[in-house]
């Protein structure tokens, strides 16, 4: 990953937080909190669960930041904790069989309202991305939106780098085909 001023600032905050500087840790929360919350929301589809998961991640991060060996790996480390915490939430949700269809319906309503404000090409891309598997969407989001390298995406998701490359390649092929043919298989 490219060393941007933001990444360098994060590394400095990590070093300070590792030495016990509470204000530095608060700075990490300010910078990475919204990103972490979006990742949790993407995995959990429930705002309340996403907020709970993100809060648990920050508690785990606070307790474990001293064990982080390379401050440059903070983002991948944090999002990996987030990914695993969200998996725990999903498992817990399955065990209790609690499903919230209202949120799914509300998301659909929001998508319908937003669709009127988005260009047709962007709507086609959004529909094509929605038709991908969840694992393909996740890899696309981390790599392109998050700016993470293949190795970092692999670390965050706990996958082999080859698996990440394969999912990304397949997702791009599917998107290319759908966009070139105008095919829209969004069945929601």
C-alpha atoms as a PDB file:
ATOM      1  CA  UNK A   1       0.000   0.000   0.000  1.00  0.00           C
ATOM      2  CA  UNK A   2       1.229   3.490  -0.813  1.00  0.00           C
ATOM      3  CA  UNK A   3       2.511   5.523   2.121  1.00  0.00           C
ATOM      4  CA  UNK A   4       0.228   8.530   2.072  1.00  0.00           C
ATOM      5  CA  UNK A   5       0.331  11.334   4.645  1.00  0.00           C
ATOM      6  CA  UNK A   6      -2.750   9.756   6.259  1.00  0.00           C
ATOM      7  CA  UNK A   7      -0.994   6.390   6.564  1.00  0.00           C
ATOM      8  CA  UNK A   8       2.091   8.019   8.065  1.00  0.00           C
ATOM      9  CA  UNK A   9      -0.087   9.929  10.546  1.00  0.00           C
ATOM     10  CA  UNK A  10      -1.781   6.651  11.472  1.00  0.00           C
ATOM     11  CA  UNK A  11       1.591   5.003  12.067  1.00  0.00           C
ATOM     12  CA  UNK A  12       2.652   7.842  14.369  1.00  0.00           C
ATOM     13  CA  UNK A  13      -0.619   7.613  16.298  1.00  0.00           C
ATOM     14  CA  UNK A  14      -0.162   3.847  16.635  1.00  0.00           C
ATOM     15  CA  UNK A  15       3.336   4.298  18.049  1.00  0.00           C
ATOM     16  CA  UNK A  16       2.055   6.861  20.560  1.00  0.00           C
ATOM     17  CA  UNK A  17      -0.938   4.677  21.466  1.00  0.00           C
ATOM     18  CA  UNK A  18       1.391   1.728  22.020  1.00  0.00           C
ATOM     19  CA  UNK A  19       3.262   3.808  24.577  1.00  0.00           C
ATOM     20  CA  UNK A  20       0.014   4.515  26.444  1.00  0.00           C
ATOM     21  CA  UNK A  21      -1.061   7.834  24.923  1.00  0.00           C
ATOM     22  CA  UNK A  22      -4.863   7.817  25.233  1.00  0.00           C
ATOM     23  CA  UNK A  23      -5.253  10.892  23.007  1.00  0.00           C
ATOM     24  CA  UNK A  24      -3.374   9.093  20.227  1.00  0.00           C
ATOM     25  CA  UNK A  25      -5.732   6.118  20.486  1.00  0.00           C
ATOM     26  CA  UNK A  26      -8.682   8.529  20.355  1.00  0.00           C
ATOM     27  CA  UNK A  27      -7.129   9.939  17.176  1.00  0.00           C
ATOM     28  CA  UNK A  28      -7.072   6.452  15.664  1.00  0.00           C
ATOM     29  CA  UNK A  29     -10.735   6.045  16.566  1.00  0.00           C
ATOM     30  CA  UNK A  30     -11.563   9.372  14.873  1.00  0.00           C
ATOM     31  CA  UNK A  31      -9.691   8.425  11.706  1.00  0.00           C
ATOM     32  CA  UNK A  32     -10.586   4.753  11.422  1.00  0.00           C
ATOM     33  CA  UNK A  33     -13.931   4.666  13.262  1.00  0.00           C
ATOM     34  CA  UNK A  34     -16.106   5.557  10.244  1.00  0.00           C
ATOM     35  CA  UNK A  35     -14.219   3.123   8.003  1.00  0.00           C
ATOM     36  CA  UNK A  36     -14.547   0.321  10.548  1.00  0.00           C
ATOM     37  CA  UNK A  37     -18.244   1.049  11.069  1.00  0.00           C
ATOM     38  CA  UNK A  38     -18.906   0.913   7.298  1.00  0.00           C
ATOM     39  CA  UNK A  39     -17.102  -2.440   7.073  1.00  0.00           C
ATOM     40  CA  UNK A  40     -19.122  -3.819   9.994  1.00  0.00           C
ATOM     41  CA  UNK A  41     -22.372  -2.513   8.520  1.00  0.00           C
ATOM     42  CA  UNK A  42     -21.503  -4.065   5.165  1.00  0.00           C
ATOM     43  CA  UNK A  43     -21.000  -7.450   6.807  1.00  0.00           C
ATOM     44  CA  UNK A  44     -23.874  -7.351   9.268  1.00  0.00           C
ATOM     45  CA  UNK A  45     -26.596  -5.344   7.460  1.00  0.00           C
ATOM     46  CA  UNK A  46     -27.852  -4.204  10.860  1.00  0.00           C
ATOM     47  CA  UNK A  47     -26.873  -0.715  12.093  1.00  0.00           C
ATOM     48  CA  UNK A  48     -27.231  -1.620  15.766  1.00  0.00           C
ATOM     49  CA  UNK A  49     -25.177  -4.807  15.366  1.00  0.00           C
ATOM     50  CA  UNK A  50     -22.578  -2.926  13.320  1.00  0.00           C
ATOM     51  CA  UNK A  51     -22.212  -0.303  16.047  1.00  0.00           C
ATOM     52  CA  UNK A  52     -21.931  -2.993  18.735  1.00  0.00           C
ATOM     53  CA  UNK A  53     -19.366  -4.909  16.688  1.00  0.00           C
ATOM     54  CA  UNK A  54     -17.326  -1.774  15.994  1.00  0.00           C
ATOM     55  CA  UNK A  55     -17.324  -0.919  19.684  1.00  0.00           C
ATOM     56  CA  UNK A  56     -16.089  -4.426  20.539  1.00  0.00           C
ATOM     57  CA  UNK A  57     -13.388  -4.112  17.907  1.00  0.00           C
ATOM     58  CA  UNK A  58     -12.129  -0.894  19.490  1.00  0.00           C
ATOM     59  CA  UNK A  59     -12.019  -2.555  22.911  1.00  0.00           C
ATOM     60  CA  UNK A  60     -10.026  -5.450  21.429  1.00  0.00           C
ATOM     61  CA  UNK A  61      -7.772  -3.006  19.590  1.00  0.00           C
ATOM     62  CA  UNK A  62      -7.115  -1.008  22.744  1.00  0.00           C
ATOM     63  CA  UNK A  63      -6.163  -4.157  24.611  1.00  0.00           C
ATOM     64  CA  UNK A  64      -4.040  -5.550  21.792  1.00  0.00           C
ATOM     65  CA  UNK A  65      -2.365  -2.523  20.237  1.00  0.00           C
ATOM     66  CA  UNK A  66       0.768  -3.122  22.266  1.00  0.00           C
ATOM     67  CA  UNK A  67       1.203  -6.476  20.533  1.00  0.00           C
ATOM     68  CA  UNK A  68       0.974  -4.983  17.024  1.00  0.00           C
ATOM     69  CA  UNK A  69       4.514  -5.375  15.678  1.00  0.00           C
ATOM     70  CA  UNK A  70       4.322  -3.145  12.597  1.00  0.00           C
ATOM     71  CA  UNK A  71       2.400   0.137  12.907  1.00  0.00           C
ATOM     72  CA  UNK A  72       2.124   0.232   9.097  1.00  0.00           C
ATOM     73  CA  UNK A  73      -0.136  -2.833   9.350  1.00  0.00           C
ATOM     74  CA  UNK A  74      -2.622  -1.118  11.680  1.00  0.00           C
ATOM     75  CA  UNK A  75      -5.402  -0.771   9.086  1.00  0.00           C
ATOM     76  CA  UNK A  76      -5.240  -4.411   8.016  1.00  0.00           C
ATOM     77  CA  UNK A  77      -4.948  -5.517  11.652  1.00  0.00           C
ATOM     78  CA  UNK A  78      -7.954  -3.434  12.732  1.00  0.00           C
ATOM     79  CA  UNK A  79     -10.139  -4.532   9.812  1.00  0.00           C
ATOM     80  CA  UNK A  80      -9.154  -8.165  10.414  1.00  0.00           C
ATOM     81  CA  UNK A  81     -10.351  -7.854  14.014  1.00  0.00           C
ATOM     82  CA  UNK A  82     -13.518  -6.256  12.634  1.00  0.00           C
ATOM     83  CA  UNK A  83     -14.043  -9.047  10.123  1.00  0.00           C
ATOM     84  CA  UNK A  84     -13.664 -11.748  12.772  1.00  0.00           C
ATOM     85  CA  UNK A  85     -15.898  -9.880  15.222  1.00  0.00           C
ATOM     86  CA  UNK A  86     -18.604  -9.588  12.559  1.00  0.00           C
ATOM     87  CA  UNK A  87     -18.327 -13.309  11.834  1.00  0.00           C
ATOM     88  CA  UNK A  88     -18.956 -13.928  15.542  1.00  0.00           C
ATOM     89  CA  UNK A  89     -22.044 -11.693  15.364  1.00  0.00           C
ATOM     90  CA  UNK A  90     -23.323 -13.591  12.319  1.00  0.00           C
ATOM     91  CA  UNK A  91     -22.816 -16.940  14.046  1.00  0.00           C
ATOM     92  CA  UNK A  92     -24.620 -15.666  17.123  1.00  0.00           C
ATOM     93  CA  UNK A  93     -27.450 -14.374  14.942  1.00  0.00           C
ATOM     94  CA  UNK A  94     -27.790 -17.761  13.228  1.00  0.00           C
ATOM     95  CA  UNK A  95     -27.876 -19.566  16.555  1.00  0.00           C
ATOM     96  CA  UNK A  96     -30.710 -17.397  17.814  1.00  0.00           C
ATOM     97  CA  UNK A  97     -32.494 -17.366  14.416  1.00  0.00           C
ATOM     98  CA  UNK A  98     -33.164 -13.655  14.661  1.00  0.00           C
ATOM     99  CA  UNK A  99     -33.756 -12.147  11.227  1.00  0.00           C
ATOM    100  CA  UNK A 100     -34.641  -8.512  10.612  1.00  0.00           C
ATOM    101  CA  UNK A 101     -36.458  -8.253   7.292  1.00  0.00           C
ATOM    102  CA  UNK A 102     -37.511  -4.669   8.062  1.00  0.00           C
ATOM    103  CA  UNK A 103     -33.960  -3.395   7.561  1.00  0.00           C
ATOM    104  CA  UNK A 104     -33.666  -5.167   4.241  1.00  0.00           C
ATOM    105  CA  UNK A 105     -36.917  -3.549   3.137  1.00  0.00           C
ATOM    106  CA  UNK A 106     -35.746  -0.139   4.363  1.00  0.00           C
ATOM    107  CA  UNK A 107     -32.503  -0.575   2.416  1.00  0.00           C
ATOM    108  CA  UNK A 108     -34.497  -1.380  -0.701  1.00  0.00           C
ATOM    109  CA  UNK A 109     -36.598   1.766  -0.194  1.00  0.00           C
ATOM    110  CA  UNK A 110     -33.434   3.867   0.227  1.00  0.00           C
ATOM    111  CA  UNK A 111     -32.002   2.339  -2.951  1.00  0.00           C
ATOM    112  CA  UNK A 112     -35.186   3.204  -4.857  1.00  0.00           C
ATOM    113  CA  UNK A 113     -35.079   6.826  -3.645  1.00  0.00           C
ATOM    114  CA  UNK A 114     -31.380   7.167  -4.404  1.00  0.00           C
ATOM    115  CA  UNK A 115     -31.767   5.623  -7.857  1.00  0.00           C
ATOM    116  CA  UNK A 116     -33.455   8.781  -9.131  1.00  0.00           C
ATOM    117  CA  UNK A 117     -30.325  10.817  -8.304  1.00  0.00           C
ATOM    118  CA  UNK A 118     -27.712   8.500  -9.862  1.00  0.00           C
ATOM    119  CA  UNK A 119     -26.636   8.311 -13.501  1.00  0.00           C
ATOM    120  CA  UNK A 120     -27.790   5.272 -15.509  1.00  0.00           C
ATOM    121  CA  UNK A 121     -24.190   4.020 -15.849  1.00  0.00           C
ATOM    122  CA  UNK A 122     -23.671   4.222 -12.088  1.00  0.00           C
ATOM    123  CA  UNK A 123     -26.994   2.451 -11.515  1.00  0.00           C
ATOM    124  CA  UNK A 124     -25.943  -0.317 -13.920  1.00  0.00           C
ATOM    125  CA  UNK A 125     -22.627  -0.699 -12.107  1.00  0.00           C
ATOM    126  CA  UNK A 126     -24.348  -0.734  -8.717  1.00  0.00           C
ATOM    127  CA  UNK A 127     -26.820  -3.400  -9.904  1.00  0.00           C
ATOM    128  CA  UNK A 128     -24.010  -5.479 -11.396  1.00  0.00           C
ATOM    129  CA  UNK A 129     -22.024  -5.293  -8.153  1.00  0.00           C
ATOM    130  CA  UNK A 130     -25.109  -6.274  -6.133  1.00  0.00           C
ATOM    131  CA  UNK A 131     -25.454  -9.385  -8.303  1.00  0.00           C
ATOM    132  CA  UNK A 132     -21.991 -10.589  -7.250  1.00  0.00           C
ATOM    133  CA  UNK A 133     -21.556 -12.978  -4.350  1.00  0.00           C
ATOM    134  CA  UNK A 134     -20.960 -11.406  -0.939  1.00  0.00           C
ATOM    135  CA  UNK A 135     -17.353 -12.628  -0.954  1.00  0.00           C
ATOM    136  CA  UNK A 136     -16.707 -11.047  -4.360  1.00  0.00           C
ATOM    137  CA  UNK A 137     -18.291  -7.761  -3.247  1.00  0.00           C
ATOM    138  CA  UNK A 138     -16.154  -7.761  -0.118  1.00  0.00           C
ATOM    139  CA  UNK A 139     -12.912  -8.273  -2.050  1.00  0.00           C
ATOM    140  CA  UNK A 140     -13.872  -5.536  -4.553  1.00  0.00           C
ATOM    141  CA  UNK A 141     -14.709  -3.086  -1.785  1.00  0.00           C
ATOM    142  CA  UNK A 142     -11.533  -3.679   0.197  1.00  0.00           C
ATOM    143  CA  UNK A 143      -9.276  -3.525  -2.858  1.00  0.00           C
ATOM    144  CA  UNK A 144     -10.819  -0.635  -4.783  1.00  0.00           C
ATOM    145  CA  UNK A 145     -12.633   1.428  -2.169  1.00  0.00           C
ATOM    146  CA  UNK A 146     -10.328   0.645   0.736  1.00  0.00           C
ATOM    147  CA  UNK A 147      -7.163   0.827  -1.339  1.00  0.00           C
ATOM    148  CA  UNK A 148      -5.723  -2.339   0.194  1.00  0.00           C
ATOM    149  CA  UNK A 149      -3.235  -4.533  -1.654  1.00  0.00           C
ATOM    150  CA  UNK A 150      -4.069  -8.150  -2.471  1.00  0.00           C
ATOM    151  CA  UNK A 151      -1.914  -9.302   0.441  1.00  0.00           C
ATOM    152  CA  UNK A 152      -3.640  -6.948   2.857  1.00  0.00           C
ATOM    153  CA  UNK A 153      -7.093  -8.029   1.651  1.00  0.00           C
ATOM    154  CA  UNK A 154      -6.027 -11.647   2.130  1.00  0.00           C
ATOM    155  CA  UNK A 155      -4.870 -10.878   5.672  1.00  0.00           C
ATOM    156  CA  UNK A 156      -8.057  -8.972   6.557  1.00  0.00           C
ATOM    157  CA  UNK A 157     -10.303 -11.778   5.307  1.00  0.00           C
ATOM    158  CA  UNK A 158      -8.102 -14.644   6.489  1.00  0.00           C
ATOM    159  CA  UNK A 159      -7.723 -16.031   2.963  1.00  0.00           C
ATOM    160  CA  UNK A 160      -4.839 -17.048   0.757  1.00  0.00           C
ATOM    161  CA  UNK A 161      -3.664 -14.271  -1.547  1.00  0.00           C
ATOM    162  CA  UNK A 162      -4.377 -16.533  -4.538  1.00  0.00           C
ATOM    163  CA  UNK A 163      -7.994 -16.845  -3.417  1.00  0.00           C
ATOM    164  CA  UNK A 164      -8.311 -13.066  -3.227  1.00  0.00           C
ATOM    165  CA  UNK A 165      -6.794 -12.688  -6.700  1.00  0.00           C
ATOM    166  CA  UNK A 166      -9.141 -15.330  -8.073  1.00  0.00           C
ATOM    167  CA  UNK A 167     -12.242 -13.719  -6.530  1.00  0.00           C
ATOM    168  CA  UNK A 168     -11.222 -10.303  -7.784  1.00  0.00           C
ATOM    169  CA  UNK A 169     -10.524 -11.627 -11.287  1.00  0.00           C
ATOM    170  CA  UNK A 170     -13.849 -13.472 -11.413  1.00  0.00           C
ATOM    171  CA  UNK A 171     -15.741 -10.448 -10.091  1.00  0.00           C
ATOM    172  CA  UNK A 172     -14.165  -8.188 -12.718  1.00  0.00           C
ATOM    173  CA  UNK A 173     -15.033 -10.662 -15.481  1.00  0.00           C
ATOM    174  CA  UNK A 174     -18.646 -10.863 -14.312  1.00  0.00           C
ATOM    175  CA  UNK A 175     -18.911  -7.076 -14.086  1.00  0.00           C
ATOM    176  CA  UNK A 176     -17.349  -6.605 -17.523  1.00  0.00           C
ATOM    177  CA  UNK A 177     -19.780  -9.102 -19.081  1.00  0.00           C
ATOM    178  CA  UNK A 178     -22.820  -7.609 -17.382  1.00  0.00           C
ATOM    179  CA  UNK A 179     -21.892  -4.037 -18.266  1.00  0.00           C
ATOM    180  CA  UNK A 180     -20.944  -4.824 -21.879  1.00  0.00           C
ATOM    181  CA  UNK A 181     -24.136  -6.770 -22.538  1.00  0.00           C
ATOM    182  CA  UNK A 182     -26.359  -4.513 -20.466  1.00  0.00           C
ATOM    183  CA  UNK A 183     -27.382  -7.575 -18.482  1.00  0.00           C
ATOM    184  CA  UNK A 184     -28.852  -6.866 -15.071  1.00  0.00           C
ATOM    185  CA  UNK A 185     -29.471  -9.890 -12.908  1.00  0.00           C
ATOM    186  CA  UNK A 186     -30.371  -7.966  -9.758  1.00  0.00           C
ATOM    187  CA  UNK A 187     -33.242 -10.103  -8.504  1.00  0.00           C
ATOM    188  CA  UNK A 188     -33.923  -8.269  -5.248  1.00  0.00           C
END
